[in-house]
Protein backbone atom coordinates (compact mmCIF):
# COMPACT_ATOMS: atom_id res chain seq x y z
CA MET A 1 0.00 0.00 0.00
CA ASP A 2 1.25 3.48 -0.85
CA VAL A 3 1.85 5.22 2.50
CA ILE A 4 1.15 8.69 1.11
CA ARG A 5 -1.70 8.09 -1.33
CA LYS A 6 -3.28 5.57 1.09
CA LYS A 7 -4.24 3.18 -1.69
CA TYR A 8 -2.95 0.11 -3.43
CA VAL A 9 -1.00 0.70 -6.64
CA VAL A 10 0.57 -1.63 -9.20
CA LEU A 11 4.10 -2.42 -8.10
CA THR A 12 6.03 -1.62 -11.27
CA PRO A 13 9.83 -1.34 -11.02
CA GLU A 14 9.54 2.47 -10.93
CA GLU A 15 6.85 2.31 -8.26
CA TRP A 16 9.10 0.04 -6.17
CA VAL A 17 11.84 2.71 -6.36
CA ARG A 18 9.36 5.48 -5.51
CA GLN A 19 7.90 3.69 -2.46
CA ASN A 20 11.31 2.71 -1.10
CA PHE A 21 12.63 6.22 -1.61
CA VAL A 22 9.65 7.73 0.24
CA ARG A 23 10.46 5.40 3.14
CA TYR A 24 14.13 6.35 3.00
CA LEU A 25 13.34 10.07 3.07
CA ASN A 26 10.95 9.56 5.97
CA GLU A 27 12.91 7.11 8.10
CA GLU A 28 16.54 8.08 7.39
CA LYS A 29 16.31 11.77 6.48
CA GLN A 30 13.38 12.70 8.76
CA TYR A 31 11.10 14.07 6.01
CA PRO A 32 7.51 14.10 7.36
CA LEU A 33 5.11 12.04 5.24
CA ALA A 34 2.60 14.87 5.53
CA LEU A 35 5.00 17.14 3.59
CA MET A 36 5.49 14.71 0.69
CA SER A 37 3.30 14.41 -2.36
CA VAL A 38 3.46 11.46 -4.76
CA GLU A 39 2.58 11.81 -8.45
CA ARG A 40 1.36 15.37 -8.08
CA SER A 41 -0.24 16.59 -11.29
CA PHE A 42 0.78 19.88 -12.85
CA SER A 43 0.69 21.56 -16.23
CA LEU A 44 3.81 22.24 -18.29
CA TYR A 45 3.53 23.84 -21.73
CA LYS A 46 -0.18 22.96 -21.71
CA LEU A 47 0.68 19.28 -21.15
CA SER A 48 -0.39 17.33 -18.09
CA LYS A 49 2.62 16.01 -16.13
CA ARG A 50 3.21 14.36 -12.76
CA SER A 51 6.14 14.68 -10.38
CA ASP A 52 7.19 11.41 -8.75
CA ILE A 53 7.84 12.89 -5.31
CA LEU A 54 7.45 16.53 -4.36
CA VAL A 55 8.63 17.54 -0.90
CA TYR A 56 7.43 20.72 0.79
CA ASN A 57 9.32 22.69 3.41
CA ARG A 58 7.88 23.45 6.84
CA HIS A 59 6.18 26.56 5.38
CA GLY A 60 4.32 24.51 2.76
CA ALA A 61 6.40 25.68 -0.22
CA PRO A 62 7.87 23.15 -2.68
CA ALA A 63 11.52 22.49 -1.76
CA LEU A 64 12.63 19.24 -3.47
CA ILE A 65 11.58 17.31 -6.57
CA VAL A 66 12.51 13.63 -6.81
CA GLU A 67 12.42 11.87 -10.17
CA CYS A 68 12.33 8.08 -9.86
CA LYS A 69 13.28 5.65 -12.59
CA ALA A 70 13.24 1.85 -12.69
CA PRO A 71 16.53 0.23 -11.62
CA GLU A 72 17.39 -0.75 -15.20
CA VAL A 73 17.07 2.86 -16.43
CA LYS A 74 20.37 4.70 -16.62
CA VAL A 75 20.43 8.05 -14.82
CA ASP A 76 21.70 10.36 -17.54
CA ARG A 77 21.39 13.86 -18.94
CA GLN A 78 17.95 13.10 -20.39
CA VAL A 79 16.60 12.30 -16.92
CA PHE A 80 18.07 15.52 -15.52
CA ASP A 81 16.59 17.49 -18.41
CA GLN A 82 13.19 16.11 -17.43
CA ILE A 83 13.45 17.18 -13.79
CA ILE A 84 14.83 20.59 -14.81
CA ARG A 85 11.77 21.11 -17.03
CA TYR A 86 9.53 20.15 -14.11
CA ASN A 87 11.29 22.72 -11.98
CA LEU A 88 10.12 25.47 -14.34
CA THR A 89 6.80 24.99 -12.55
CA PHE A 90 7.93 24.39 -8.96
CA LYS A 91 11.12 26.49 -8.69
CA VAL A 92 12.59 24.37 -5.88
CA ASN A 93 16.15 24.62 -4.57
CA PHE A 94 16.90 20.87 -4.62
CA LEU A 95 16.59 18.29 -7.41
CA LEU A 96 17.12 14.56 -6.94
CA VAL A 97 17.17 11.72 -9.45
CA THR A 98 17.25 8.05 -8.46
CA ASN A 99 16.86 4.64 -10.03
CA GLY A 100 17.05 2.96 -6.63
CA LEU A 101 20.70 2.06 -7.20
CA GLN A 102 22.18 5.47 -7.94
CA HIS A 103 21.08 8.79 -6.48
CA PHE A 104 22.14 12.23 -7.68
CA CYS A 105 21.12 15.34 -5.79
CA CYS A 106 21.92 18.93 -6.59
CA ARG A 107 21.27 22.27 -4.97
CA LEU A 108 20.27 25.07 -7.29
CA ASP A 109 21.47 28.63 -7.02
CA HIS A 110 18.75 30.49 -8.90
CA GLY A 111 20.59 33.82 -8.64
CA ARG A 112 23.68 32.49 -10.38
CA ASN A 113 21.77 29.98 -12.53
CA THR A 114 24.01 27.13 -11.35
CA ALA A 115 23.61 23.65 -9.87
CA ASN A 116 25.99 22.13 -7.34
CA PHE A 117 25.94 18.37 -6.93
CA LEU A 118 25.90 17.22 -3.31
CA ASN A 119 27.78 14.30 -1.77
CA ASP A 120 24.73 13.33 0.28
CA ILE A 121 21.00 13.78 0.24
CA PRO A 122 20.07 16.61 2.62
CA ASP A 123 18.05 15.77 5.71
CA PHE A 124 14.82 17.63 6.36
CA MET A 125 16.46 20.23 8.62
CA THR A 126 19.03 21.07 5.91
CA LEU A 127 16.25 21.34 3.35
CA ASN A 128 14.62 23.97 5.56
CA ALA A 129 17.80 25.96 6.24
CA ASP A 130 17.05 28.41 3.41
């Protein structure tokens, strides 16, 4: 059962990654489940899209987008391009891409238009330090 959507979903390889990553964020990085949204719909260039995991800060503003891929999908530039496009809508400071085996997280500096890759995934307190 999906702990956020409170319903049963088909356990595809991508869904397995998504559910395990939600648990990781909650249990290891102290992200409250109440501040995570799974498959949130939004509009981008008049197309309907969905973010895999969207995390809000303690003020209720989007702070982190997580893009999940199946374990056999290589995390490459194309995957990062996708999450960067999604961020045109959300304007978060942190982007994270995972296939369950590899995780890449970066912090965005919107003023300088740069991204700095992090050695570790920030915990919830770090996410709220801004």
